[in-house]
N, C-alpha and C. Protein backbone atom coordinates (compact mmCIF):
# COMPACT_ATOMS: atom_id res chain seq x y z
N MET A 1 -13.83 36.43 -2.22
CA MET A 1 -13.96 35.25 -1.41
C MET A 1 -12.82 34.29 -1.76
N ALA A 2 -12.06 33.90 -0.75
CA ALA A 2 -10.91 33.02 -0.95
C ALA A 2 -11.38 31.58 -1.11
N LEU A 3 -10.69 30.87 -1.95
CA LEU A 3 -10.99 29.45 -2.17
C LEU A 3 -10.32 28.65 -1.07
N LYS A 4 -11.11 27.83 -0.39
CA LYS A 4 -10.57 26.99 0.67
C LYS A 4 -10.32 25.60 0.11
N THR A 5 -9.11 25.10 0.31
CA THR A 5 -8.76 23.77 -0.16
C THR A 5 -8.34 22.89 1.01
N THR A 6 -8.44 21.61 0.82
CA THR A 6 -7.95 20.67 1.82
C THR A 6 -7.05 19.67 1.13
N ARG A 7 -6.13 19.14 1.87
CA ARG A 7 -5.19 18.17 1.32
C ARG A 7 -5.93 16.86 1.07
N TRP A 8 -5.76 16.30 -0.13
CA TRP A 8 -6.41 15.04 -0.47
C TRP A 8 -5.58 13.90 0.09
N ASP A 9 -6.23 12.96 0.75
CA ASP A 9 -5.55 11.82 1.34
C ASP A 9 -6.24 10.55 0.88
N VAL A 10 -5.54 9.75 0.09
CA VAL A 10 -6.11 8.54 -0.48
C VAL A 10 -6.62 7.59 0.60
N THR A 11 -6.00 7.60 1.78
CA THR A 11 -6.39 6.65 2.82
C THR A 11 -7.84 6.86 3.27
N GLN A 12 -8.36 8.05 3.10
CA GLN A 12 -9.75 8.32 3.47
C GLN A 12 -10.73 7.66 2.51
N HIS A 13 -10.24 7.21 1.36
CA HIS A 13 -11.11 6.61 0.34
C HIS A 13 -10.91 5.10 0.22
N LEU A 14 -9.96 4.57 0.98
CA LEU A 14 -9.69 3.13 0.94
C LEU A 14 -10.45 2.46 2.08
N ASP A 15 -11.77 2.48 1.95
CA ASP A 15 -12.61 2.02 3.05
C ASP A 15 -13.36 0.72 2.79
N THR A 16 -13.09 0.08 1.65
CA THR A 16 -13.68 -1.23 1.38
C THR A 16 -12.61 -2.11 0.75
N GLU A 17 -12.80 -3.42 0.86
CA GLU A 17 -11.87 -4.37 0.26
C GLU A 17 -11.78 -4.15 -1.25
N GLU A 18 -12.92 -3.89 -1.87
CA GLU A 18 -12.94 -3.70 -3.32
C GLU A 18 -12.14 -2.46 -3.73
N LYS A 19 -12.32 -1.35 -3.03
CA LYS A 19 -11.58 -0.13 -3.36
C LYS A 19 -10.08 -0.34 -3.17
N ILE A 20 -9.71 -1.04 -2.11
CA ILE A 20 -8.30 -1.30 -1.85
C ILE A 20 -7.72 -2.18 -2.95
N ALA A 21 -8.43 -3.24 -3.30
CA ALA A 21 -7.96 -4.15 -4.35
C ALA A 21 -7.81 -3.43 -5.68
N LEU A 22 -8.78 -2.60 -6.04
CA LEU A 22 -8.70 -1.86 -7.31
C LEU A 22 -7.55 -0.86 -7.30
N PHE A 23 -7.35 -0.21 -6.18
CA PHE A 23 -6.25 0.75 -6.02
C PHE A 23 -4.91 0.03 -6.21
N LEU A 24 -4.71 -1.08 -5.50
CA LEU A 24 -3.46 -1.82 -5.62
C LEU A 24 -3.26 -2.39 -7.02
N GLU A 25 -4.33 -2.88 -7.61
CA GLU A 25 -4.24 -3.42 -8.97
C GLU A 25 -3.77 -2.34 -9.95
N ALA A 26 -4.33 -1.15 -9.84
CA ALA A 26 -3.94 -0.05 -10.73
C ALA A 26 -2.48 0.33 -10.54
N VAL A 27 -2.03 0.36 -9.30
CA VAL A 27 -0.65 0.73 -9.02
C VAL A 27 0.31 -0.35 -9.54
N PHE A 28 -0.04 -1.62 -9.33
CA PHE A 28 0.81 -2.69 -9.83
C PHE A 28 0.88 -2.67 -11.35
N GLU A 29 -0.20 -2.30 -12.01
CA GLU A 29 -0.19 -2.21 -13.47
C GLU A 29 0.81 -1.17 -13.96
N GLU A 30 0.98 -0.10 -13.20
CA GLU A 30 1.96 0.93 -13.57
C GLU A 30 3.38 0.39 -13.51
N GLY A 31 3.63 -0.49 -12.55
CA GLY A 31 4.91 -1.17 -12.47
C GLY A 31 6.06 -0.42 -11.82
N ASP A 32 5.81 0.73 -11.23
CA ASP A 32 6.87 1.51 -10.57
C ASP A 32 7.06 0.99 -9.15
N PRO A 33 8.21 0.39 -8.83
CA PRO A 33 8.42 -0.19 -7.49
C PRO A 33 8.21 0.81 -6.35
N ALA A 34 8.67 2.04 -6.52
CA ALA A 34 8.50 3.05 -5.46
C ALA A 34 7.02 3.37 -5.26
N MET A 35 6.28 3.44 -6.37
CA MET A 35 4.85 3.72 -6.28
C MET A 35 4.12 2.55 -5.62
N ILE A 36 4.53 1.33 -5.92
CA ILE A 36 3.91 0.15 -5.32
C ILE A 36 4.15 0.16 -3.81
N ALA A 37 5.38 0.42 -3.39
CA ALA A 37 5.68 0.46 -1.96
C ALA A 37 4.87 1.56 -1.27
N ALA A 38 4.77 2.72 -1.91
CA ALA A 38 3.99 3.82 -1.32
C ALA A 38 2.52 3.45 -1.23
N ALA A 39 1.98 2.79 -2.25
CA ALA A 39 0.57 2.40 -2.24
C ALA A 39 0.30 1.37 -1.15
N ILE A 40 1.21 0.43 -0.97
CA ILE A 40 1.06 -0.55 0.11
C ILE A 40 1.09 0.18 1.45
N GLY A 41 1.95 1.18 1.56
CA GLY A 41 1.98 2.01 2.77
C GLY A 41 0.68 2.75 2.99
N ASP A 42 0.08 3.26 1.91
CA ASP A 42 -1.21 3.95 2.02
C ASP A 42 -2.29 3.01 2.54
N VAL A 43 -2.30 1.80 2.02
CA VAL A 43 -3.29 0.82 2.47
C VAL A 43 -3.04 0.45 3.93
N ALA A 44 -1.78 0.28 4.30
CA ALA A 44 -1.46 -0.03 5.69
C ALA A 44 -1.90 1.10 6.62
N ARG A 45 -1.71 2.34 6.19
CA ARG A 45 -2.18 3.47 7.01
C ARG A 45 -3.70 3.48 7.11
N ALA A 46 -4.36 3.17 6.00
CA ALA A 46 -5.83 3.15 6.00
C ALA A 46 -6.36 2.06 6.92
N ARG A 47 -5.66 0.94 6.98
CA ARG A 47 -6.08 -0.19 7.81
C ARG A 47 -5.62 -0.07 9.26
N GLY A 48 -4.61 0.75 9.48
CA GLY A 48 -4.02 0.87 10.81
C GLY A 48 -2.61 0.29 10.80
N MET A 49 -1.64 1.17 10.69
CA MET A 49 -0.25 0.75 10.54
C MET A 49 0.21 -0.14 11.69
N SER A 50 -0.19 0.18 12.90
CA SER A 50 0.24 -0.61 14.06
C SER A 50 -0.24 -2.05 13.95
N GLN A 51 -1.49 -2.23 13.59
CA GLN A 51 -2.04 -3.59 13.49
C GLN A 51 -1.42 -4.35 12.33
N ILE A 52 -1.22 -3.69 11.20
CA ILE A 52 -0.58 -4.35 10.05
C ILE A 52 0.84 -4.76 10.42
N ALA A 53 1.58 -3.88 11.07
CA ALA A 53 2.94 -4.20 11.49
C ALA A 53 2.95 -5.41 12.42
N LYS A 54 2.05 -5.41 13.37
CA LYS A 54 1.96 -6.53 14.32
C LYS A 54 1.64 -7.83 13.58
N ASP A 55 0.65 -7.80 12.70
CA ASP A 55 0.25 -8.99 11.96
C ASP A 55 1.35 -9.48 11.02
N ALA A 56 2.20 -8.57 10.56
CA ALA A 56 3.29 -8.93 9.66
C ALA A 56 4.56 -9.32 10.42
N GLY A 57 4.53 -9.14 11.73
CA GLY A 57 5.70 -9.47 12.54
C GLY A 57 6.83 -8.46 12.41
N LEU A 58 6.45 -7.20 12.19
CA LEU A 58 7.42 -6.13 12.02
C LEU A 58 7.15 -5.03 13.03
N SER A 59 8.15 -4.21 13.30
CA SER A 59 7.90 -3.06 14.16
C SER A 59 7.21 -1.98 13.33
N ARG A 60 6.40 -1.19 13.98
CA ARG A 60 5.70 -0.11 13.29
C ARG A 60 6.69 0.86 12.66
N GLU A 61 7.77 1.18 13.38
CA GLU A 61 8.77 2.11 12.89
C GLU A 61 9.46 1.58 11.64
N ASN A 62 9.82 0.29 11.66
CA ASN A 62 10.46 -0.30 10.49
C ASN A 62 9.52 -0.34 9.30
N LEU A 63 8.24 -0.59 9.56
CA LEU A 63 7.27 -0.63 8.47
C LEU A 63 7.09 0.75 7.86
N TYR A 64 6.96 1.79 8.70
CA TYR A 64 6.88 3.16 8.18
C TYR A 64 8.11 3.48 7.33
N ARG A 65 9.29 3.12 7.83
CA ARG A 65 10.53 3.41 7.11
C ARG A 65 10.57 2.68 5.77
N ALA A 66 10.22 1.40 5.78
CA ALA A 66 10.27 0.60 4.55
C ALA A 66 9.31 1.11 3.49
N LEU A 67 8.15 1.58 3.93
CA LEU A 67 7.11 1.99 2.98
C LEU A 67 7.06 3.50 2.76
N SER A 68 8.09 4.20 3.21
CA SER A 68 8.15 5.65 2.99
C SER A 68 8.60 5.93 1.57
N ALA A 69 8.57 7.20 1.20
CA ALA A 69 8.99 7.60 -0.15
C ALA A 69 10.45 7.24 -0.41
N ASP A 70 11.27 7.25 0.63
CA ASP A 70 12.68 6.93 0.49
C ASP A 70 12.98 5.46 0.79
N GLY A 71 11.95 4.71 1.18
CA GLY A 71 12.15 3.32 1.55
C GLY A 71 12.38 2.43 0.34
N ASN A 72 12.96 1.28 0.61
CA ASN A 72 13.19 0.29 -0.43
C ASN A 72 12.98 -1.08 0.22
N PRO A 73 11.71 -1.46 0.44
CA PRO A 73 11.46 -2.68 1.20
C PRO A 73 11.93 -3.93 0.46
N GLU A 74 12.38 -4.89 1.25
CA GLU A 74 12.72 -6.19 0.67
C GLU A 74 11.43 -6.86 0.23
N PHE A 75 11.55 -7.76 -0.74
CA PHE A 75 10.37 -8.44 -1.25
C PHE A 75 9.68 -9.23 -0.14
N GLY A 76 10.46 -9.81 0.76
CA GLY A 76 9.89 -10.55 1.88
C GLY A 76 9.01 -9.66 2.76
N THR A 77 9.43 -8.42 2.94
CA THR A 77 8.63 -7.46 3.71
C THR A 77 7.33 -7.16 3.00
N VAL A 78 7.41 -6.94 1.70
CA VAL A 78 6.20 -6.68 0.91
C VAL A 78 5.23 -7.85 1.04
N MET A 79 5.74 -9.06 0.92
CA MET A 79 4.88 -10.24 1.01
C MET A 79 4.22 -10.35 2.39
N LYS A 80 4.98 -10.10 3.44
CA LYS A 80 4.42 -10.16 4.80
C LYS A 80 3.31 -9.12 4.98
N VAL A 81 3.56 -7.92 4.48
CA VAL A 81 2.58 -6.84 4.64
C VAL A 81 1.33 -7.11 3.82
N VAL A 82 1.48 -7.55 2.59
CA VAL A 82 0.33 -7.85 1.75
C VAL A 82 -0.52 -8.95 2.40
N LYS A 83 0.14 -9.97 2.93
CA LYS A 83 -0.58 -11.05 3.61
C LYS A 83 -1.28 -10.51 4.86
N ALA A 84 -0.60 -9.67 5.64
CA ALA A 84 -1.20 -9.10 6.85
C ALA A 84 -2.41 -8.24 6.52
N MET A 85 -2.44 -7.66 5.31
CA MET A 85 -3.58 -6.85 4.90
C MET A 85 -4.73 -7.71 4.38
N GLY A 86 -4.47 -9.03 4.27
CA GLY A 86 -5.53 -9.94 3.83
C GLY A 86 -5.60 -10.15 2.34
N PHE A 87 -4.51 -9.87 1.64
CA PHE A 87 -4.47 -10.03 0.19
C PHE A 87 -3.43 -11.05 -0.21
N ASP A 88 -3.56 -11.58 -1.42
CA ASP A 88 -2.58 -12.47 -2.02
C ASP A 88 -2.07 -11.80 -3.28
N LEU A 89 -0.81 -12.02 -3.58
CA LEU A 89 -0.27 -11.58 -4.86
C LEU A 89 -0.38 -12.74 -5.83
N THR A 90 -0.84 -12.45 -7.04
CA THR A 90 -0.95 -13.48 -8.05
C THR A 90 -0.26 -13.00 -9.33
N VAL A 91 0.03 -13.92 -10.17
CA VAL A 91 0.70 -13.61 -11.43
C VAL A 91 -0.22 -14.03 -12.56
N THR A 92 -0.34 -13.16 -13.55
CA THR A 92 -1.13 -13.46 -14.74
C THR A 92 -0.27 -13.16 -15.96
N PRO A 93 -0.58 -13.77 -17.08
CA PRO A 93 0.20 -13.48 -18.29
C PRO A 93 0.09 -11.98 -18.65
N HIS A 94 1.16 -11.45 -19.14
CA HIS A 94 1.19 -10.05 -19.57
C HIS A 94 0.28 -9.85 -20.77
N ARG A 95 -0.52 -8.82 -20.72
CA ARG A 95 -1.40 -8.49 -21.84
C ARG A 95 -0.65 -7.56 -22.79
N ALA A 96 -0.66 -7.90 -24.04
CA ALA A 96 0.01 -7.07 -25.04
C ALA A 96 -0.74 -5.75 -25.18
N ALA A 97 -0.01 -4.69 -25.36
CA ALA A 97 -0.62 -3.36 -25.47
C ALA A 97 -1.24 -3.13 -26.81
């Protein structure tokens, strides 16, 4: 009997504000800019990329490009998208390891 697998897609699990916030918090803690951009893209896909792009004042195509694996979004774009998703970025003191 062959093992059947399916591709795991994080966007299927980002279905509450709490899950999204925890997901983004964990990614920001890692501190990898490419991973942060990809995670913001995942949340935008989960919420509906077209609506997020519209709310952020960006084209859907430009948003996909900026948040792709090869993208390098400007900080202003990140801020617009985070706000369009209904979140705020905050700064807290760094916790010593």
